[in-house]
Amino acid sequence: MSTTRSKIETSWSLMIVWILSVLVAIASLRFLIAELSLVMPHMVHHAMSRPVSLYLHIGLAPIALLLLPVQFSQRLRSCRPGLHRWGGRLYAVMVLLAGISALLLAITSEAGPIAAAGFGLLAILWLAITARAVQLAMQRRIAEHRRWMIRSAALTLAAVTLRIYLPIGIPLLGFELAYVLVSWACWVPNLILAEWMLRRRVAAQPA
């Protein structure tokens, strides 16, 4: 009974995460239909000095986010493995381009060294962890590949947690302080939670 209940709770939790992923991804593309200064005023200085990096990141990172629910679908993996593989390739390319551009934006950020370090390290880990997941898939080490993809997804979901924490932090702390804190809080807890889930899963498996 407890196992069944745990599976149901996990399914509902994942459904909520995937719904948030899709909503945030679609909302992140709002710059396509409105002026950037209106929908992303804190990004205007990037558009002035480094437009290629900015538009690569805000244009491609939402696609990686949209792909997560598809790539983690067990039904797709079982019934359409070819589509799953092509979706994985597309996800990897999106992370590669969005991650490099995110790193360039972090290095040249005007939010201060702490925020730059937070977002910069996020970009580096996002690139490295996703690359490792791709390498393992190419080697047909599927169980390990899935573990690393969970870590990659945790970092991709930083886009979701950032948009949850920032609106809460700004009224309480002001934009500048909230932005610095969120530059770390949007991804460090995600990665810790992913590691906890992975270790818990290993511990639950029979010897």
Protein backbone atom coordinates (compact mmCIF):
# COMPACT_ATOMS: atom_id res chain seq x y z
CA MET A 1 0.00 0.00 0.00
CA SER A 2 2.74 2.46 0.94
CA THR A 3 4.63 1.66 -2.28
CA THR A 4 1.54 2.31 -4.38
CA ARG A 5 0.87 5.55 -2.55
CA SER A 6 4.48 6.63 -3.05
CA LYS A 7 4.24 5.95 -6.79
CA ILE A 8 1.02 7.96 -7.06
CA GLU A 9 2.56 10.90 -5.19
CA THR A 10 5.64 10.74 -7.40
CA SER A 11 3.48 10.72 -10.54
CA TRP A 12 1.54 13.76 -9.38
CA SER A 13 4.74 15.58 -8.43
CA LEU A 14 6.25 14.90 -11.84
CA MET A 15 3.08 16.04 -13.57
CA ILE A 16 3.21 19.35 -11.69
CA VAL A 17 6.89 19.78 -12.58
CA TRP A 18 6.25 19.10 -16.26
CA ILE A 19 3.27 21.46 -16.37
CA LEU A 20 5.39 24.20 -14.79
CA SER A 21 8.15 23.45 -17.30
CA VAL A 22 5.84 23.93 -20.26
CA LEU A 23 4.27 27.10 -18.82
CA VAL A 24 7.65 28.67 -18.02
CA ALA A 25 9.06 27.71 -21.42
CA ILE A 26 6.15 29.30 -23.25
CA ALA A 27 6.28 32.39 -21.04
CA SER A 28 10.03 32.68 -21.65
CA LEU A 29 9.39 33.08 -25.37
CA ARG A 30 7.22 36.14 -24.83
CA PHE A 31 10.00 38.35 -26.23
CA LEU A 32 8.99 37.02 -29.67
CA ILE A 33 5.69 38.90 -29.56
CA ALA A 34 6.52 41.91 -27.37
CA GLU A 35 9.28 44.45 -26.93
CA LEU A 36 12.15 43.11 -24.81
CA SER A 37 12.19 46.25 -22.67
CA LEU A 38 8.58 45.55 -21.67
CA VAL A 39 8.75 41.81 -20.95
CA MET A 40 12.39 41.46 -19.81
CA PRO A 41 13.56 44.89 -18.68
CA HIS A 42 16.46 43.46 -16.66
CA MET A 43 17.87 41.92 -19.87
CA VAL A 44 17.97 45.09 -21.95
CA HIS A 45 21.61 45.84 -21.11
CA HIS A 46 22.56 42.41 -22.48
CA ALA A 47 20.65 43.14 -25.68
CA MET A 48 22.65 46.34 -26.08
CA SER A 49 26.11 44.84 -25.56
CA ARG A 50 25.86 41.10 -26.34
CA PRO A 51 22.67 40.48 -28.37
CA VAL A 52 23.79 37.18 -29.95
CA SER A 53 24.46 35.54 -26.58
CA LEU A 54 21.24 36.90 -25.14
CA TYR A 55 18.94 35.77 -27.92
CA LEU A 56 20.61 32.38 -28.20
CA HIS A 57 20.01 31.81 -24.51
CA ILE A 58 16.48 33.11 -24.16
CA GLY A 59 15.47 31.54 -27.48
CA LEU A 60 16.95 28.05 -27.07
CA ALA A 61 16.87 27.35 -23.31
CA PRO A 62 13.02 27.27 -23.35
CA ILE A 63 13.16 24.59 -26.05
CA ALA A 64 15.35 22.43 -23.81
CA LEU A 65 12.82 22.98 -21.04
CA LEU A 66 9.94 22.00 -23.33
CA LEU A 67 11.73 18.78 -24.29
CA LEU A 68 12.08 17.52 -20.72
CA PRO A 69 8.55 16.08 -20.31
CA VAL A 70 8.87 14.39 -23.70
CA GLN A 71 12.29 12.88 -23.05
CA PHE A 72 11.30 11.56 -19.63
CA SER A 73 8.17 9.88 -20.97
CA GLN A 74 8.45 6.12 -20.44
CA ARG A 75 5.83 5.53 -23.12
CA LEU A 76 7.86 7.42 -25.71
CA ARG A 77 11.05 5.56 -24.81
CA SER A 78 9.26 2.22 -25.13
CA CYS A 79 7.10 2.85 -28.20
CA ARG A 80 9.19 5.36 -30.17
CA PRO A 81 12.85 4.89 -29.23
CA GLY A 82 14.00 6.58 -32.42
CA LEU A 83 11.98 9.69 -31.61
CA HIS A 84 13.42 9.63 -28.09
CA ARG A 85 16.96 9.54 -29.48
CA TRP A 86 16.32 12.44 -31.86
CA GLY A 87 14.69 14.40 -29.06
CA GLY A 88 17.78 13.75 -26.96
CA ARG A 89 20.04 15.03 -29.73
CA LEU A 90 17.93 18.18 -30.04
CA TYR A 91 18.00 18.65 -26.25
CA ALA A 92 21.79 18.30 -26.21
CA VAL A 93 22.21 20.90 -28.98
CA MET A 94 19.89 23.31 -27.21
CA VAL A 95 21.83 22.90 -23.95
CA LEU A 96 25.15 23.32 -25.77
CA LEU A 97 24.19 26.62 -27.41
CA ALA A 98 22.10 27.97 -24.53
CA GLY A 99 24.77 26.91 -22.01
CA ILE A 100 27.66 28.57 -23.81
CA SER A 101 25.65 31.75 -24.27
CA ALA A 102 24.60 31.64 -20.59
CA LEU A 103 28.25 31.38 -19.57
CA LEU A 104 29.13 34.40 -21.72
CA LEU A 105 26.24 36.37 -20.21
CA ALA A 106 27.32 35.41 -16.69
CA ILE A 107 30.94 36.44 -17.28
CA THR A 108 29.86 39.87 -18.48
CA SER A 109 26.99 40.28 -15.99
CA GLU A 110 26.49 43.62 -14.29
CA ALA A 111 24.82 41.99 -11.27
CA GLY A 112 28.10 41.58 -9.40
CA PRO A 113 30.65 38.79 -8.93
CA ILE A 114 28.51 36.58 -6.67
CA ALA A 115 25.60 36.45 -9.12
CA ALA A 116 28.03 36.03 -12.02
CA ALA A 117 29.68 33.10 -10.23
CA GLY A 118 26.31 31.49 -9.46
CA PHE A 119 24.99 31.65 -13.00
CA GLY A 120 28.42 30.91 -14.48
CA LEU A 121 28.84 27.72 -12.45
CA LEU A 122 25.29 26.71 -13.35
CA ALA A 123 26.16 27.06 -17.05
CA ILE A 124 29.40 25.06 -16.70
CA LEU A 125 27.72 22.23 -14.80
CA TRP A 126 24.76 22.23 -17.20
CA LEU A 127 27.13 21.77 -20.14
CA ALA A 128 29.36 19.19 -18.44
CA ILE A 129 26.58 17.06 -16.97
CA THR A 130 24.60 17.00 -20.20
CA ALA A 131 27.74 16.11 -22.16
CA ARG A 132 28.34 13.19 -19.79
CA ALA A 133 24.74 12.02 -20.27
CA VAL A 134 25.20 12.13 -24.06
CA GLN A 135 28.50 10.25 -23.83
CA LEU A 136 26.90 7.48 -21.78
CA ALA A 137 23.99 7.20 -24.24
CA MET A 138 26.45 6.82 -27.12
CA GLN A 139 28.19 4.05 -25.17
CA ARG A 140 24.80 2.34 -24.59
CA ARG A 141 25.23 2.63 -20.83
CA ILE A 142 21.56 3.47 -20.51
CA ALA A 143 21.09 3.14 -16.74
CA GLU A 144 23.96 5.56 -16.11
CA HIS A 145 22.73 7.82 -18.90
CA ARG A 146 19.36 8.15 -17.19
CA ARG A 147 21.02 9.09 -13.89
CA TRP A 148 23.00 11.87 -15.54
CA MET A 149 19.95 13.05 -17.43
CA ILE A 150 18.14 13.46 -14.11
CA ARG A 151 20.99 15.72 -13.00
CA SER A 152 20.82 17.63 -16.29
CA ALA A 153 17.06 18.04 -15.91
CA ALA A 154 17.52 19.38 -12.38
CA LEU A 155 19.73 22.13 -13.79
CA THR A 156 17.40 22.83 -16.72
CA LEU A 157 14.59 23.24 -14.19
CA ALA A 158 16.53 26.13 -12.67
CA ALA A 159 14.52 28.20 -15.15
CA VAL A 160 11.38 27.18 -13.26
CA THR A 161 12.68 27.64 -9.72
CA LEU A 162 14.19 31.01 -10.63
CA ARG A 163 10.75 32.24 -11.68
CA ILE A 164 9.26 30.95 -8.44
CA TYR A 165 11.87 32.41 -6.10
CA LEU A 166 12.46 35.78 -7.75
CA PRO A 167 8.89 37.14 -7.46
CA ILE A 168 8.95 36.11 -3.79
CA GLY A 169 12.38 37.58 -3.09
CA ILE A 170 11.98 40.94 -4.82
CA PRO A 171 9.23 42.35 -2.52
CA LEU A 172 11.09 41.07 0.56
CA LEU A 173 14.70 41.89 -0.30
CA GLY A 174 14.68 44.13 -3.34
CA PHE A 175 15.71 43.11 -6.84
CA GLU A 176 19.49 43.37 -6.46
CA LEU A 177 19.80 41.20 -3.34
CA ALA A 178 17.10 38.77 -4.43
CA TYR A 179 18.80 38.32 -7.81
CA VAL A 180 22.13 37.48 -6.16
CA LEU A 181 20.53 34.92 -3.84
CA VAL A 182 18.45 33.37 -6.59
CA SER A 183 21.53 32.98 -8.82
CA TRP A 184 22.50 30.14 -6.48
CA ALA A 185 19.16 29.12 -4.96
CA CYS A 186 17.57 28.41 -8.35
CA TRP A 187 19.86 25.42 -9.03
CA VAL A 188 21.84 24.24 -5.98
CA PRO A 189 18.78 22.81 -4.15
CA ASN A 190 17.60 21.25 -7.42
CA LEU A 191 20.88 19.39 -7.82
CA ILE A 192 20.94 18.32 -4.17
CA LEU A 193 17.37 17.00 -4.49
CA ALA A 194 18.29 15.10 -7.64
CA GLU A 195 21.26 13.48 -5.90
CA TRP A 196 19.08 12.55 -2.94
CA MET A 197 16.51 10.96 -5.23
CA LEU A 198 19.18 9.00 -7.09
CA ARG A 199 20.79 7.71 -3.90
CA ARG A 200 17.40 6.83 -2.45
CA ARG A 201 16.55 4.88 -5.60
CA VAL A 202 19.81 2.92 -5.41
CA ALA A 203 19.29 2.19 -1.72
CA ALA A 204 15.77 0.90 -2.43
CA GLN A 205 16.93 -1.57 -5.06
CA PRO A 206 17.47 -5.17 -3.97
CA ALA A 207 21.08 -6.35 -3.78
